[in-house]
Amino acid sequence: MYKPSENDAMFLKGNLSVQINKLKEAEYISLSKSFVNNYPKIECALSPKGIKFFEEYLADIKDQYRVGSQPTIISLLLKQSLL
């Protein structure tokens, strides 16, 4: 099972809206905003780029697990040149 490292904490800081905006800016998700019974509703969907990134992330976890070291979100983002 994946356990976040200290390096992951740098990427995970901030409230949910900050994280959603980061994913949107990276074009990993698309957003649909509406109101239901006067309450805001935001729906997020993975984009093709987001699906590809997630699949690569899972592959990285599997590879790291086989080797015996622990993957980090930061290592994958650095590999993708997103940081």
C-alpha atoms as a PDB file:
ATOM      1  CA  MET A   1       0.000   0.000   0.000  1.00  0.00           C
ATOM      2  CA  TYR A   2       1.288   3.470  -0.928  1.00  0.00           C
ATOM      3  CA  LYS A   3       2.222   5.699   2.004  1.00  0.00           C
ATOM      4  CA  PRO A   4       2.878   9.419   1.386  1.00  0.00           C
ATOM      5  CA  SER A   5       6.422  10.577   2.067  1.00  0.00           C
ATOM      6  CA  GLU A   6       7.597  13.904   3.450  1.00  0.00           C
ATOM      7  CA  ASN A   7       8.238  15.080  -0.135  1.00  0.00           C
ATOM      8  CA  ASP A   8       4.589  14.458  -1.042  1.00  0.00           C
ATOM      9  CA  ALA A   9       3.514  16.910   1.661  1.00  0.00           C
ATOM     10  CA  MET A  10       4.892  19.814  -0.423  1.00  0.00           C
ATOM     11  CA  PHE A  11       2.490  18.921  -3.239  1.00  0.00           C
ATOM     12  CA  LEU A  12      -0.435  18.151  -0.941  1.00  0.00           C
ATOM     13  CA  LYS A  13      -0.496  21.406   1.039  1.00  0.00           C
ATOM     14  CA  GLY A  14      -3.555  23.631   0.706  1.00  0.00           C
ATOM     15  CA  ASN A  15      -7.281  23.203   0.834  1.00  0.00           C
ATOM     16  CA  LEU A  16      -9.343  21.257  -1.677  1.00  0.00           C
ATOM     17  CA  SER A  17      -9.994  24.241  -3.953  1.00  0.00           C
ATOM     18  CA  VAL A  18      -6.242  24.872  -4.233  1.00  0.00           C
ATOM     19  CA  GLN A  19      -5.626  21.234  -5.187  1.00  0.00           C
ATOM     20  CA  ILE A  20      -8.483  21.232  -7.717  1.00  0.00           C
ATOM     21  CA  ASN A  21      -7.072  24.391  -9.323  1.00  0.00           C
ATOM     22  CA  LYS A  22      -3.590  22.826  -9.533  1.00  0.00           C
ATOM     23  CA  LEU A  23      -5.038  19.768 -11.288  1.00  0.00           C
ATOM     24  CA  LYS A  24      -7.097  21.977 -13.621  1.00  0.00           C
ATOM     25  CA  GLU A  25      -4.081  24.160 -14.485  1.00  0.00           C
ATOM     26  CA  ALA A  26      -2.079  21.004 -15.260  1.00  0.00           C
ATOM     27  CA  GLU A  27      -4.996  19.960 -17.530  1.00  0.00           C
ATOM     28  CA  TYR A  28      -5.490  16.711 -15.586  1.00  0.00           C
ATOM     29  CA  ILE A  29      -9.173  17.396 -14.867  1.00  0.00           C
ATOM     30  CA  SER A  30     -12.078  19.356 -16.248  1.00  0.00           C
ATOM     31  CA  LEU A  31     -14.609  21.076 -14.020  1.00  0.00           C
ATOM     32  CA  SER A  32     -18.344  21.492 -14.283  1.00  0.00           C
ATOM     33  CA  LYS A  33     -19.865  23.997 -11.848  1.00  0.00           C
ATOM     34  CA  SER A  34     -23.591  24.282 -11.142  1.00  0.00           C
ATOM     35  CA  PHE A  35     -26.112  24.795  -8.359  1.00  0.00           C
ATOM     36  CA  VAL A  36     -28.469  22.177  -6.938  1.00  0.00           C
ATOM     37  CA  ASN A  37     -31.127  23.419  -4.505  1.00  0.00           C
ATOM     38  CA  ASN A  38     -29.154  26.660  -4.094  1.00  0.00           C
ATOM     39  CA  TYR A  39     -25.973  24.778  -3.138  1.00  0.00           C
ATOM     40  CA  PRO A  40     -22.869  24.894  -5.321  1.00  0.00           C
ATOM     41  CA  LYS A  41     -21.976  21.642  -7.041  1.00  0.00           C
ATOM     42  CA  ILE A  42     -18.613  21.025  -8.681  1.00  0.00           C
ATOM     43  CA  GLU A  43     -18.017  17.906 -10.719  1.00  0.00           C
ATOM     44  CA  CYS A  44     -14.491  16.890 -11.700  1.00  0.00           C
ATOM     45  CA  ALA A  45     -13.637  14.555 -14.569  1.00  0.00           C
ATOM     46  CA  LEU A  46     -10.262  13.194 -15.560  1.00  0.00           C
ATOM     47  CA  SER A  47      -9.014  14.460 -18.895  1.00  0.00           C
ATOM     48  CA  PRO A  48      -7.154  12.183 -21.323  1.00  0.00           C
ATOM     49  CA  LYS A  49      -3.925  13.773 -20.030  1.00  0.00           C
ATOM     50  CA  GLY A  50      -5.040  13.073 -16.438  1.00  0.00           C
ATOM     51  CA  ILE A  51      -5.821   9.450 -17.248  1.00  0.00           C
ATOM     52  CA  LYS A  52      -2.402   9.015 -18.848  1.00  0.00           C
ATOM     53  CA  PHE A  53      -0.672  10.620 -15.849  1.00  0.00           C
ATOM     54  CA  PHE A  54      -2.607   8.406 -13.409  1.00  0.00           C
ATOM     55  CA  GLU A  55      -1.767   5.264 -15.396  1.00  0.00           C
ATOM     56  CA  GLU A  56       1.919   6.250 -15.398  1.00  0.00           C
ATOM     57  CA  TYR A  57       1.712   6.940 -11.663  1.00  0.00           C
ATOM     58  CA  LEU A  58       0.273   3.475 -11.034  1.00  0.00           C
ATOM     59  CA  ALA A  59       2.952   1.905 -13.212  1.00  0.00           C
ATOM     60  CA  ASP A  60       5.594   3.825 -11.257  1.00  0.00           C
ATOM     61  CA  ILE A  61       4.173   2.534  -7.976  1.00  0.00           C
ATOM     62  CA  LYS A  62       4.228  -1.032  -9.298  1.00  0.00           C
ATOM     63  CA  ASP A  63       7.811  -0.659 -10.544  1.00  0.00           C
ATOM     64  CA  GLN A  64       8.974   0.861  -7.264  1.00  0.00           C
ATOM     65  CA  TYR A  65       7.212  -1.878  -5.308  1.00  0.00           C
ATOM     66  CA  ARG A  66       9.017  -4.548  -7.333  1.00  0.00           C
ATOM     67  CA  VAL A  67      12.369  -2.854  -6.709  1.00  0.00           C
ATOM     68  CA  GLY A  68      11.607  -2.348  -3.027  1.00  0.00           C
ATOM     69  CA  SER A  69      11.817   1.433  -2.794  1.00  0.00           C
ATOM     70  CA  GLN A  70       8.887   3.729  -2.193  1.00  0.00           C
ATOM     71  CA  PRO A  71       7.559   6.005  -4.962  1.00  0.00           C
ATOM     72  CA  THR A  72       6.548   9.588  -4.343  1.00  0.00           C
ATOM     73  CA  ILE A  73       4.185  11.897  -6.137  1.00  0.00           C
ATOM     74  CA  ILE A  74       7.055  14.378  -6.346  1.00  0.00           C
ATOM     75  CA  SER A  75       9.314  11.889  -8.141  1.00  0.00           C
ATOM     76  CA  LEU A  76       6.676  11.320 -10.804  1.00  0.00           C
ATOM     77  CA  LEU A  77       5.956  15.044 -11.186  1.00  0.00           C
ATOM     78  CA  LEU A  78       9.663  15.731 -11.554  1.00  0.00           C
ATOM     79  CA  LYS A  79       9.858  13.007 -14.177  1.00  0.00           C
ATOM     80  CA  GLN A  80       6.991  14.769 -15.990  1.00  0.00           C
ATOM     81  CA  SER A  81       8.731  18.157 -15.539  1.00  0.00           C
ATOM     82  CA  LEU A  82       5.713  19.628 -13.754  1.00  0.00           C
ATOM     83  CA  LEU A  83       7.580  21.108 -10.796  1.00  0.00           C
END
